[in-house]
Amino acid sequence: MDVPSGGQTGIIKLVRDLSGPLPRTDAERLPEINEAVKARKAVKPERGAFLGSSLGSFFHGMASGQFARMDASYELSAACDGCGVCARVCPRENVVLENGRPAWKHDCDNCGASSTWCPKRAISQGGGVASGGGHHARVALGDMRLR
């Protein structure tokens, strides 16, 4: 899927365009709410993003069925030393160490964290290994949520 210059995939952009503006946060509305209370004035509530929420839920439901297959093409090279970084950075807790080697539990959202943060570059997906610049240069492993 092509990613437009704004960084949104086509489906996400479509959902956001159809939804209209998101309701403002309570912090953004607080001054307006305070004035309405002081003036004892009724204020019409903002409409929710029903269409966007419905479409988003629909597309997420379709995508979540893919999670079980996302890690099927992950490969591990002999360079793996069993350090466990891949398991500690996986946000879905999909990677576990078994006998000192990573194993995937088939609940992957294909974020690429395990291959991007592997210090040995031992994890590839379909033969492609994440480049050394796979993460922002100012983000260190210590900045990651590690288990």
C-alpha atoms as a PDB file:
ATOM      1  CA  MET A   1       0.000   0.000   0.000  1.00  0.00           C
ATOM      2  CA  ASP A   2       1.362   3.418  -0.879  1.00  0.00           C
ATOM      3  CA  VAL A   3       2.078   5.813   1.960  1.00  0.00           C
ATOM      4  CA  PRO A   4       1.186   9.432   1.117  1.00  0.00           C
ATOM      5  CA  SER A   5       3.635  12.185   2.012  1.00  0.00           C
ATOM      6  CA  GLY A   6       1.808  12.778   5.322  1.00  0.00           C
ATOM      7  CA  GLY A   7       2.819   9.283   6.418  1.00  0.00           C
ATOM      8  CA  GLN A   8      -0.721   7.868   6.465  1.00  0.00           C
ATOM      9  CA  THR A   9      -1.674   4.744   4.576  1.00  0.00           C
ATOM     10  CA  GLY A  10      -4.549   5.074   2.122  1.00  0.00           C
ATOM     11  CA  ILE A  11      -7.065   3.334   4.399  1.00  0.00           C
ATOM     12  CA  ILE A  12      -6.189   5.475   7.416  1.00  0.00           C
ATOM     13  CA  LYS A  13      -6.418   8.639   5.323  1.00  0.00           C
ATOM     14  CA  LEU A  14      -9.797   7.535   3.928  1.00  0.00           C
ATOM     15  CA  VAL A  15     -11.177   6.856   7.407  1.00  0.00           C
ATOM     16  CA  ARG A  16      -9.926  10.216   8.713  1.00  0.00           C
ATOM     17  CA  ASP A  17     -11.320  12.077   5.694  1.00  0.00           C
ATOM     18  CA  LEU A  18     -14.741  10.444   6.072  1.00  0.00           C
ATOM     19  CA  SER A  19     -14.821  10.977   9.837  1.00  0.00           C
ATOM     20  CA  GLY A  20     -14.323  14.691   9.791  1.00  0.00           C
ATOM     21  CA  PRO A  21     -12.551  16.461  12.617  1.00  0.00           C
ATOM     22  CA  LEU A  22     -12.032  14.579  15.837  1.00  0.00           C
ATOM     23  CA  PRO A  23     -13.907  15.861  18.882  1.00  0.00           C
ATOM     24  CA  ARG A  24     -11.774  18.201  20.954  1.00  0.00           C
ATOM     25  CA  THR A  25     -10.267  16.929  24.165  1.00  0.00           C
ATOM     26  CA  ASP A  26     -11.675  17.914  27.541  1.00  0.00           C
ATOM     27  CA  ALA A  27      -8.600  20.083  28.139  1.00  0.00           C
ATOM     28  CA  GLU A  28      -9.282  21.962  24.885  1.00  0.00           C
ATOM     29  CA  ARG A  29     -12.963  22.413  25.785  1.00  0.00           C
ATOM     30  CA  LEU A  30     -12.475  23.293  29.458  1.00  0.00           C
ATOM     31  CA  PRO A  31     -12.594  27.110  29.036  1.00  0.00           C
ATOM     32  CA  GLU A  32     -15.778  26.809  26.957  1.00  0.00           C
ATOM     33  CA  ILE A  33     -17.335  24.438  29.493  1.00  0.00           C
ATOM     34  CA  ASN A  34     -16.423  26.743  32.407  1.00  0.00           C
ATOM     35  CA  GLU A  35     -18.020  29.739  30.665  1.00  0.00           C
ATOM     36  CA  ALA A  36     -21.167  27.749  29.883  1.00  0.00           C
ATOM     37  CA  VAL A  37     -21.486  26.636  33.512  1.00  0.00           C
ATOM     38  CA  LYS A  38     -20.943  30.181  34.828  1.00  0.00           C
ATOM     39  CA  ALA A  39     -23.506  31.566  32.376  1.00  0.00           C
ATOM     40  CA  ARG A  40     -25.884  28.652  33.015  1.00  0.00           C
ATOM     41  CA  LYS A  41     -25.998  28.208  29.267  1.00  0.00           C
ATOM     42  CA  ALA A  42     -26.701  24.962  27.424  1.00  0.00           C
ATOM     43  CA  VAL A  43     -23.999  23.903  25.014  1.00  0.00           C
ATOM     44  CA  LYS A  44     -24.508  21.417  22.219  1.00  0.00           C
ATOM     45  CA  PRO A  45     -22.133  18.462  22.619  1.00  0.00           C
ATOM     46  CA  GLU A  46     -19.702  17.741  19.838  1.00  0.00           C
ATOM     47  CA  ARG A  47     -20.585  14.832  17.613  1.00  0.00           C
ATOM     48  CA  GLY A  48     -18.453  11.733  17.820  1.00  0.00           C
ATOM     49  CA  ALA A  49     -16.551  10.253  14.921  1.00  0.00           C
ATOM     50  CA  PHE A  50     -19.017   7.359  14.498  1.00  0.00           C
ATOM     51  CA  LEU A  51     -18.205   6.719  10.840  1.00  0.00           C
ATOM     52  CA  GLY A  52     -14.466   6.795  11.466  1.00  0.00           C
ATOM     53  CA  SER A  53     -14.782   4.583  14.530  1.00  0.00           C
ATOM     54  CA  SER A  54     -16.945   2.104  12.643  1.00  0.00           C
ATOM     55  CA  LEU A  55     -14.641   1.975   9.627  1.00  0.00           C
ATOM     56  CA  GLY A  56     -11.567   1.802  11.861  1.00  0.00           C
ATOM     57  CA  SER A  57     -13.053  -1.094  13.819  1.00  0.00           C
ATOM     58  CA  PHE A  58     -13.970  -2.880  10.595  1.00  0.00           C
ATOM     59  CA  PHE A  59     -10.493  -2.538   9.080  1.00  0.00           C
ATOM     60  CA  HIS A  60      -8.765  -3.409  12.372  1.00  0.00           C
ATOM     61  CA  GLY A  61     -10.923  -6.529  12.615  1.00  0.00           C
ATOM     62  CA  MET A  62      -9.806  -7.538   9.133  1.00  0.00           C
ATOM     63  CA  ALA A  63      -6.155  -6.823   9.950  1.00  0.00           C
ATOM     64  CA  SER A  64      -6.162  -8.612  13.302  1.00  0.00           C
ATOM     65  CA  GLY A  65      -6.864 -11.877  11.499  1.00  0.00           C
ATOM     66  CA  GLN A  66      -3.524 -11.393   9.775  1.00  0.00           C
ATOM     67  CA  PHE A  67      -1.548 -11.231  13.059  1.00  0.00           C
ATOM     68  CA  ALA A  68      -1.295 -15.026  13.207  1.00  0.00           C
ATOM     69  CA  ARG A  69       0.515 -15.070   9.857  1.00  0.00           C
ATOM     70  CA  MET A  70       2.692 -11.941  10.091  1.00  0.00           C
ATOM     71  CA  ASP A  71       5.703 -13.670  11.625  1.00  0.00           C
ATOM     72  CA  ALA A  72       5.625 -16.691   9.302  1.00  0.00           C
ATOM     73  CA  SER A  73       8.388 -15.227   7.136  1.00  0.00           C
ATOM     74  CA  TYR A  74      10.717 -14.326  10.032  1.00  0.00           C
ATOM     75  CA  GLU A  75      14.046 -16.113   9.844  1.00  0.00           C
ATOM     76  CA  LEU A  76      16.849 -16.380  12.355  1.00  0.00           C
ATOM     77  CA  SER A  77      20.490 -16.572  11.310  1.00  0.00           C
ATOM     78  CA  ALA A  78      23.371 -18.286  13.093  1.00  0.00           C
ATOM     79  CA  ALA A  79      24.502 -14.820  14.255  1.00  0.00           C
ATOM     80  CA  CYS A  80      21.862 -14.934  17.037  1.00  0.00           C
ATOM     81  CA  ASP A  81      23.527 -15.172  20.449  1.00  0.00           C
ATOM     82  CA  GLY A  82      20.275 -15.502  22.444  1.00  0.00           C
ATOM     83  CA  CYS A  83      20.569 -12.095  24.131  1.00  0.00           C
ATOM     84  CA  GLY A  84      16.767 -11.719  24.291  1.00  0.00           C
ATOM     85  CA  VAL A  85      16.514  -8.107  23.109  1.00  0.00           C
ATOM     86  CA  CYS A  86      13.943  -9.190  20.505  1.00  0.00           C
ATOM     87  CA  ALA A  87      11.673 -10.627  23.213  1.00  0.00           C
ATOM     88  CA  ARG A  88      12.075  -7.592  25.468  1.00  0.00           C
ATOM     89  CA  VAL A  89      11.189  -4.991  22.819  1.00  0.00           C
ATOM     90  CA  CYS A  90       8.232  -6.782  21.215  1.00  0.00           C
ATOM     91  CA  PRO A  91       5.154  -4.703  22.116  1.00  0.00           C
ATOM     92  CA  ARG A  92       2.788  -7.661  21.643  1.00  0.00           C
ATOM     93  CA  GLU A  93       4.950 -10.048  23.717  1.00  0.00           C
ATOM     94  CA  ASN A  94       4.997 -12.244  20.630  1.00  0.00           C
ATOM     95  CA  VAL A  95       8.667 -13.246  20.908  1.00  0.00           C
ATOM     96  CA  VAL A  96       9.835 -15.682  23.584  1.00  0.00           C
ATOM     97  CA  LEU A  97      13.174 -17.367  24.147  1.00  0.00           C
ATOM     98  CA  GLU A  98      13.089 -21.143  23.854  1.00  0.00           C
ATOM     99  CA  ASN A  99      16.349 -22.959  24.467  1.00  0.00           C
ATOM    100  CA  GLY A 100      18.202 -19.652  24.128  1.00  0.00           C
ATOM    101  CA  ARG A 101      16.698 -18.833  20.718  1.00  0.00           C
ATOM    102  CA  PRO A 102      13.793 -16.531  19.820  1.00  0.00           C
ATOM    103  CA  ALA A 103      10.509 -18.143  18.860  1.00  0.00           C
ATOM    104  CA  TRP A 104       7.453 -16.289  17.589  1.00  0.00           C
ATOM    105  CA  LYS A 105       4.015 -17.051  19.051  1.00  0.00           C
ATOM    106  CA  HIS A 106       2.072 -16.006  15.914  1.00  0.00           C
ATOM    107  CA  ASP A 107       0.523 -12.818  17.263  1.00  0.00           C
ATOM    108  CA  CYS A 108       2.699 -10.359  15.331  1.00  0.00           C
ATOM    109  CA  ASP A 109       1.618  -6.942  14.068  1.00  0.00           C
ATOM    110  CA  ASN A 110       4.747  -6.668  11.907  1.00  0.00           C
ATOM    111  CA  CYS A 111       6.112  -3.587  13.684  1.00  0.00           C
ATOM    112  CA  GLY A 112       9.669  -4.749  13.016  1.00  0.00           C
ATOM    113  CA  ALA A 113      10.939  -4.090  16.557  1.00  0.00           C
ATOM    114  CA  SER A 114      12.525  -7.522  16.983  1.00  0.00           C
ATOM    115  CA  SER A 115      14.568  -7.259  13.791  1.00  0.00           C
ATOM    116  CA  THR A 116      15.285  -3.535  14.104  1.00  0.00           C
ATOM    117  CA  TRP A 117      16.694  -3.766  17.630  1.00  0.00           C
ATOM    118  CA  CYS A 118      18.570  -7.066  17.227  1.00  0.00           C
ATOM    119  CA  PRO A 119      22.190  -6.124  17.993  1.00  0.00           C
ATOM    120  CA  LYS A 120      23.484  -8.992  15.813  1.00  0.00           C
ATOM    121  CA  ARG A 121      21.116  -8.242  12.867  1.00  0.00           C
ATOM    122  CA  ALA A 122      20.191 -11.940  13.103  1.00  0.00           C
ATOM    123  CA  ILE A 123      16.461 -11.600  12.393  1.00  0.00           C
ATOM    124  CA  SER A 124      15.207 -11.172   8.860  1.00  0.00           C
ATOM    125  CA  GLN A 125      11.806 -11.144   7.277  1.00  0.00           C
ATOM    126  CA  GLY A 126      11.581 -12.854   3.949  1.00  0.00           C
ATOM    127  CA  GLY A 127      15.368 -12.631   3.642  1.00  0.00           C
ATOM    128  CA  GLY A 128      15.529  -8.874   4.280  1.00  0.00           C
ATOM    129  CA  VAL A 129      17.397  -7.731   7.377  1.00  0.00           C
ATOM    130  CA  ALA A 130      16.580  -4.359   8.925  1.00  0.00           C
ATOM    131  CA  SER A 131      19.243  -1.808   8.093  1.00  0.00           C
ATOM    132  CA  GLY A 132      21.516  -0.453  10.798  1.00  0.00           C
ATOM    133  CA  GLY A 133      19.516   2.778  10.666  1.00  0.00           C
ATOM    134  CA  GLY A 134      16.216   1.030  11.326  1.00  0.00           C
ATOM    135  CA  HIS A 135      15.481   3.153  14.376  1.00  0.00           C
ATOM    136  CA  HIS A 136      15.918   6.847  15.125  1.00  0.00           C
ATOM    137  CA  ALA A 137      19.555   7.613  15.848  1.00  0.00           C
ATOM    138  CA  ARG A 138      18.730   9.372  19.139  1.00  0.00           C
ATOM    139  CA  VAL A 139      16.624   6.475  20.458  1.00  0.00           C
ATOM    140  CA  ALA A 140      18.762   4.047  22.410  1.00  0.00           C
ATOM    141  CA  LEU A 141      17.834   0.543  23.441  1.00  0.00           C
ATOM    142  CA  GLY A 142      17.630   1.808  27.020  1.00  0.00           C
ATOM    143  CA  ASP A 143      14.821   4.165  25.953  1.00  0.00           C
ATOM    144  CA  MET A 144      12.667   1.241  24.844  1.00  0.00           C
ATOM    145  CA  ARG A 145      10.030  -0.428  27.011  1.00  0.00           C
ATOM    146  CA  LEU A 146      11.887  -3.549  28.020  1.00  0.00           C
ATOM    147  CA  ARG A 147      10.534  -6.510  29.935  1.00  0.00           C
END
